[in-house]
Amino acid sequence: MSKKFGTGVATGILTTLGALAVGLFTYKKKVLDPEDKEDSRIADNRRKANRKSFSAHQS
């Protein structure tokens, strides 16, 4: 009885940690990475617009 209980607790802990890890990984891929990508895109567009503006006003 004791061995089965210990095995069950260990299995439950490992399963819970695995599910938590998968949840965090999914959150990072679905929420955090797209935000970083969008910020990068906006910064890149800002740099391009500044270059274009500077170039248009040269004599």
PDB file of N, CA and C in Angstrom:
ATOM      1  N   MET A   1       0.820  -1.198   0.000  1.00  0.00           N
ATOM      2  CA  MET A   1       0.000   0.000   0.000  1.00  0.00           C
ATOM      3  C   MET A   1       0.859   1.256   0.000  1.00  0.00           C
ATOM      4  N   SER A   2       1.882   1.263   0.832  1.00  0.00           N
ATOM      5  CA  SER A   2       2.726   2.437   0.967  1.00  0.00           C
ATOM      6  C   SER A   2       3.479   2.723  -0.337  1.00  0.00           C
ATOM      7  N   LYS A   3       3.952   1.665  -0.983  1.00  0.00           N
ATOM      8  CA  LYS A   3       4.704   1.842  -2.222  1.00  0.00           C
ATOM      9  C   LYS A   3       3.804   2.411  -3.324  1.00  0.00           C
ATOM     10  N   LYS A   4       2.585   1.938  -3.423  1.00  0.00           N
ATOM     11  CA  LYS A   4       1.664   2.440  -4.440  1.00  0.00           C
ATOM     12  C   LYS A   4       1.315   3.909  -4.189  1.00  0.00           C
ATOM     13  N   PHE A   5       1.173   4.250  -2.910  1.00  0.00           N
ATOM     14  CA  PHE A   5       0.859   5.645  -2.577  1.00  0.00           C
ATOM     15  C   PHE A   5       2.014   6.556  -2.975  1.00  0.00           C
ATOM     16  N   GLY A   6       3.225   6.173  -2.642  1.00  0.00           N
ATOM     17  CA  GLY A   6       4.415   6.973  -2.977  1.00  0.00           C
ATOM     18  C   GLY A   6       4.585   7.103  -4.483  1.00  0.00           C
ATOM     19  N   THR A   7       4.351   6.027  -5.199  1.00  0.00           N
ATOM     20  CA  THR A   7       4.441   6.061  -6.660  1.00  0.00           C
ATOM     21  C   THR A   7       3.377   6.983  -7.239  1.00  0.00           C
ATOM     22  N   GLY A   8       2.185   6.917  -6.675  1.00  0.00           N
ATOM     23  CA  GLY A   8       1.097   7.776  -7.149  1.00  0.00           C
ATOM     24  C   GLY A   8       1.375   9.246  -6.899  1.00  0.00           C
ATOM     25  N   VAL A   9       1.930   9.558  -5.742  1.00  0.00           N
ATOM     26  CA  VAL A   9       2.267  10.949  -5.426  1.00  0.00           C
ATOM     27  C   VAL A   9       3.359  11.438  -6.375  1.00  0.00           C
ATOM     28  N   ALA A  10       4.381  10.631  -6.585  1.00  0.00           N
ATOM     29  CA  ALA A  10       5.469  11.016  -7.486  1.00  0.00           C
ATOM     30  C   ALA A  10       4.943  11.225  -8.906  1.00  0.00           C
ATOM     31  N   THR A  11       4.087  10.338  -9.364  1.00  0.00           N
ATOM     32  CA  THR A  11       3.497  10.468 -10.696  1.00  0.00           C
ATOM     33  C   THR A  11       2.649  11.728 -10.793  1.00  0.00           C
ATOM     34  N   GLY A  12       1.875  12.000  -9.772  1.00  0.00           N
ATOM     35  CA  GLY A  12       1.044  13.202  -9.760  1.00  0.00           C
ATOM     36  C   GLY A  12       1.867  14.471  -9.792  1.00  0.00           C
ATOM     37  N   ILE A  13       2.948  14.504  -9.022  1.00  0.00           N
ATOM     38  CA  ILE A  13       3.820  15.684  -8.996  1.00  0.00           C
ATOM     39  C   ILE A  13       4.473  15.885 -10.363  1.00  0.00           C
ATOM     40  N   LEU A  14       4.994  14.817 -10.946  1.00  0.00           N
ATOM     41  CA  LEU A  14       5.641  14.929 -12.255  1.00  0.00           C
ATOM     42  C   LEU A  14       4.651  15.363 -13.338  1.00  0.00           C
ATOM     43  N   THR A  15       3.452  14.815 -13.286  1.00  0.00           N
ATOM     44  CA  THR A  15       2.427  15.177 -14.257  1.00  0.00           C
ATOM     45  C   THR A  15       2.042  16.652 -14.112  1.00  0.00           C
ATOM     46  N   THR A  16       1.899  17.105 -12.880  1.00  0.00           N
ATOM     47  CA  THR A  16       1.540  18.503 -12.630  1.00  0.00           C
ATOM     48  C   THR A  16       2.643  19.436 -13.117  1.00  0.00           C
ATOM     49  N   LEU A  17       3.888  19.099 -12.823  1.00  0.00           N
ATOM     50  CA  LEU A  17       5.007  19.930 -13.280  1.00  0.00           C
ATOM     51  C   LEU A  17       5.098  19.948 -14.808  1.00  0.00           C
ATOM     52  N   GLY A  18       4.849  18.804 -15.424  1.00  0.00           N
ATOM     53  CA  GLY A  18       4.858  18.744 -16.888  1.00  0.00           C
ATOM     54  C   GLY A  18       3.771  19.608 -17.495  1.00  0.00           C
ATOM     55  N   ALA A  19       2.581  19.538 -16.917  1.00  0.00           N
ATOM     56  CA  ALA A  19       1.468  20.349 -17.424  1.00  0.00           C
ATOM     57  C   ALA A  19       1.749  21.834 -17.233  1.00  0.00           C
ATOM     58  N   LEU A  20       2.340  22.186 -16.111  1.00  0.00           N
ATOM     59  CA  LEU A  20       2.707  23.586 -15.853  1.00  0.00           C
ATOM     60  C   LEU A  20       3.747  24.073 -16.858  1.00  0.00           C
ATOM     61  N   ALA A  21       4.739  23.239 -17.147  1.00  0.00           N
ATOM     62  CA  ALA A  21       5.774  23.608 -18.111  1.00  0.00           C
ATOM     63  C   ALA A  21       5.177  23.809 -19.506  1.00  0.00           C
ATOM     64  N   VAL A  22       4.289  22.921 -19.900  1.00  0.00           N
ATOM     65  CA  VAL A  22       3.644  23.042 -21.209  1.00  0.00           C
ATOM     66  C   VAL A  22       2.790  24.307 -21.264  1.00  0.00           C
ATOM     67  N   GLY A  23       2.079  24.605 -20.181  1.00  0.00           N
ATOM     68  CA  GLY A  23       1.262  25.818 -20.129  1.00  0.00           C
ATOM     69  C   GLY A  23       2.099  27.083 -20.250  1.00  0.00           C
ATOM     70  N   LEU A  24       3.214  27.127 -19.555  1.00  0.00           N
ATOM     71  CA  LEU A  24       4.094  28.296 -19.636  1.00  0.00           C
ATOM     72  C   LEU A  24       4.701  28.445 -21.029  1.00  0.00           C
ATOM     73  N   PHE A  25       5.092  27.334 -21.618  1.00  0.00           N
ATOM     74  CA  PHE A  25       5.661  27.372 -22.970  1.00  0.00           C
ATOM     75  C   PHE A  25       4.621  27.867 -23.976  1.00  0.00           C
ATOM     76  N   THR A  26       3.403  27.378 -23.849  1.00  0.00           N
ATOM     77  CA  THR A  26       2.330  27.803 -24.747  1.00  0.00           C
ATOM     78  C   THR A  26       2.032  29.283 -24.572  1.00  0.00           C
ATOM     79  N   TYR A  27       1.981  29.759 -23.337  1.00  0.00           N
ATOM     80  CA  TYR A  27       1.750  31.184 -23.065  1.00  0.00           C
ATOM     81  C   TYR A  27       2.837  32.026 -23.713  1.00  0.00           C
ATOM     82  N   LYS A  28       4.082  31.589 -23.594  1.00  0.00           N
ATOM     83  CA  LYS A  28       5.197  32.338 -24.195  1.00  0.00           C
ATOM     84  C   LYS A  28       5.042  32.401 -25.711  1.00  0.00           C
ATOM     85  N   LYS A  29       4.700  31.291 -26.326  1.00  0.00           N
ATOM     86  CA  LYS A  29       4.583  31.253 -27.782  1.00  0.00           C
ATOM     87  C   LYS A  29       3.377  32.041 -28.290  1.00  0.00           C
ATOM     88  N   LYS A  30       2.266  32.014 -27.564  1.00  0.00           N
ATOM     89  CA  LYS A  30       1.027  32.645 -28.032  1.00  0.00           C
ATOM     90  C   LYS A  30       0.916  34.112 -27.647  1.00  0.00           C
ATOM     91  N   VAL A  31       1.551  34.546 -26.552  1.00  0.00           N
ATOM     92  CA  VAL A  31       1.358  35.905 -26.049  1.00  0.00           C
ATOM     93  C   VAL A  31       2.639  36.718 -26.105  1.00  0.00           C
ATOM     94  N   LEU A  32       3.704  36.233 -25.532  1.00  0.00           N
ATOM     95  CA  LEU A  32       4.914  37.043 -25.406  1.00  0.00           C
ATOM     96  C   LEU A  32       5.678  37.200 -26.721  1.00  0.00           C
ATOM     97  N   ASP A  33       5.850  36.125 -27.467  1.00  0.00           N
ATOM     98  CA  ASP A  33       6.600  36.215 -28.717  1.00  0.00           C
ATOM     99  C   ASP A  33       5.926  37.133 -29.742  1.00  0.00           C
ATOM    100  N   PRO A  34       4.606  37.065 -29.946  1.00  0.00           N
ATOM    101  CA  PRO A  34       3.979  37.998 -30.888  1.00  0.00           C
ATOM    102  C   PRO A  34       4.131  39.460 -30.461  1.00  0.00           C
ATOM    103  N   GLU A  35       4.108  39.752 -29.158  1.00  0.00           N
ATOM    104  CA  GLU A  35       4.316  41.130 -28.700  1.00  0.00           C
ATOM    105  C   GLU A  35       5.711  41.605 -29.059  1.00  0.00           C
ATOM    106  N   ASP A  36       6.714  40.758 -28.838  1.00  0.00           N
ATOM    107  CA  ASP A  36       8.090  41.125 -29.173  1.00  0.00           C
ATOM    108  C   ASP A  36       8.245  41.334 -30.672  1.00  0.00           C
ATOM    109  N   LYS A  37       7.612  40.471 -31.450  1.00  0.00           N
ATOM    110  CA  LYS A  37       7.694  40.582 -32.899  1.00  0.00           C
ATOM    111  C   LYS A  37       7.053  41.882 -33.382  1.00  0.00           C
ATOM    112  N   GLU A  38       5.907  42.240 -32.800  1.00  0.00           N
ATOM    113  CA  GLU A  38       5.216  43.477 -33.180  1.00  0.00           C
ATOM    114  C   GLU A  38       6.046  44.699 -32.784  1.00  0.00           C
ATOM    115  N   ASP A  39       6.642  44.684 -31.597  1.00  0.00           N
ATOM    116  CA  ASP A  39       7.500  45.791 -31.172  1.00  0.00           C
ATOM    117  C   ASP A  39       8.689  45.954 -32.116  1.00  0.00           C
ATOM    118  N   SER A  40       9.253  44.847 -32.522  1.00  0.00           N
ATOM    119  CA  SER A  40      10.383  44.878 -33.448  1.00  0.00           C
ATOM    120  C   SER A  40       9.956  45.450 -34.800  1.00  0.00           C
ATOM    121  N   ARG A  41       8.779  45.050 -35.271  1.00  0.00           N
ATOM    122  CA  ARG A  41       8.280  45.545 -36.548  1.00  0.00           C
ATOM    123  C   ARG A  41       8.033  47.054 -36.493  1.00  0.00           C
ATOM    124  N   ILE A  42       7.462  47.536 -35.402  1.00  0.00           N
ATOM    125  CA  ILE A  42       7.188  48.966 -35.251  1.00  0.00           C
ATOM    126  C   ILE A  42       8.493  49.757 -35.216  1.00  0.00           C
ATOM    127  N   ALA A  43       9.477  49.273 -34.475  1.00  0.00           N
ATOM    128  CA  ALA A  43      10.769  49.962 -34.400  1.00  0.00           C
ATOM    129  C   ALA A  43      11.440  49.997 -35.772  1.00  0.00           C
ATOM    130  N   ASP A  44      11.345  48.906 -36.504  1.00  0.00           N
ATOM    131  CA  ASP A  44      11.940  48.854 -37.839  1.00  0.00           C
ATOM    132  C   ASP A  44      11.254  49.853 -38.771  1.00  0.00           C
ATOM    133  N   ASN A  45       9.918  49.918 -38.717  1.00  0.00           N
ATOM    134  CA  ASN A  45       9.199  50.886 -39.547  1.00  0.00           C
ATOM    135  C   ASN A  45       9.546  52.314 -39.171  1.00  0.00           C
ATOM    136  N   ARG A  46       9.752  52.575 -37.893  1.00  0.00           N
ATOM    137  CA  ARG A  46      10.124  53.914 -37.434  1.00  0.00           C
ATOM    138  C   ARG A  46      11.495  54.306 -37.985  1.00  0.00           C
ATOM    139  N   ARG A  47      12.442  53.370 -37.959  1.00  0.00           N
ATOM    140  CA  ARG A  47      13.779  53.650 -38.512  1.00  0.00           C
ATOM    141  C   ARG A  47      13.686  53.946 -40.010  1.00  0.00           C
ATOM    142  N   LYS A  48      12.905  53.156 -40.730  1.00  0.00           N
ATOM    143  CA  LYS A  48      12.748  53.379 -42.170  1.00  0.00           C
ATOM    144  C   LYS A  48      12.114  54.739 -42.451  1.00  0.00           C
ATOM    145  N   ALA A  49      11.106  55.108 -41.681  1.00  0.00           N
ATOM    146  CA  ALA A  49      10.437  56.393 -41.883  1.00  0.00           C
ATOM    147  C   ALA A  49      11.384  57.543 -41.593  1.00  0.00           C
ATOM    148  N   ASN A  50      12.207  57.424 -40.567  1.00  0.00           N
ATOM    149  CA  ASN A  50      13.174  58.479 -40.257  1.00  0.00           C
ATOM    150  C   ASN A  50      14.196  58.633 -41.376  1.00  0.00           C
ATOM    151  N   ARG A  51      14.686  57.523 -41.916  1.00  0.00           N
ATOM    152  CA  ARG A  51      15.636  57.597 -43.030  1.00  0.00           C
ATOM    153  C   ARG A  51      14.988  58.241 -44.250  1.00  0.00           C
ATOM    154  N   LYS A  52      13.765  57.832 -44.531  1.00  0.00           N
ATOM    155  CA  LYS A  52      13.073  58.370 -45.697  1.00  0.00           C
ATOM    156  C   LYS A  52      12.811  59.865 -45.530  1.00  0.00           C
ATOM    157  N   SER A  53      12.411  60.295 -44.353  1.00  0.00           N
ATOM    158  CA  SER A  53      12.147  61.709 -44.067  1.00  0.00           C
ATOM    159  C   SER A  53      13.435  62.513 -44.192  1.00  0.00           C
ATOM    160  N   PHE A  54      14.506  61.995 -43.633  1.00  0.00           N
ATOM    161  CA  PHE A  54      15.791  62.688 -43.697  1.00  0.00           C
ATOM    162  C   PHE A  54      16.256  62.817 -45.135  1.00  0.00           C
ATOM    163  N   SER A  55      16.105  61.755 -45.909  1.00  0.00           N
ATOM    164  CA  SER A  55      16.531  61.749 -47.300  1.00  0.00           C
ATOM    165  C   SER A  55      15.692  62.709 -48.152  1.00  0.00           C
ATOM    166  N   ALA A  56      14.415  62.837 -47.855  1.00  0.00           N
ATOM    167  CA  ALA A  56      13.538  63.692 -48.644  1.00  0.00           C
ATOM    168  C   ALA A  56      13.838  65.170 -48.442  1.00  0.00           C
ATOM    169  N   HIS A  57      14.454  65.538 -47.333  1.00  0.00           N
ATOM    170  CA  HIS A  57      14.680  66.944 -47.043  1.00  0.00           C
ATOM    171  C   HIS A  57      16.130  67.355 -47.218  1.00  0.00           C
ATOM    172  N   GLN A  58      16.883  66.571 -47.940  1.00  0.00           N
ATOM    173  CA  GLN A  58      18.273  66.938 -48.246  1.00  0.00           C
ATOM    174  C   GLN A  58      18.298  67.831 -49.475  1.00  0.00           C
ATOM    175  N   SER A  59      19.230  68.756 -49.495  1.00  0.00           N
ATOM    176  CA  SER A  59      19.329  69.667 -50.652  1.00  0.00           C
ATOM    177  C   SER A  59      20.304  69.136 -51.663  1.00  0.00           C
TER     178      SER A  59
END
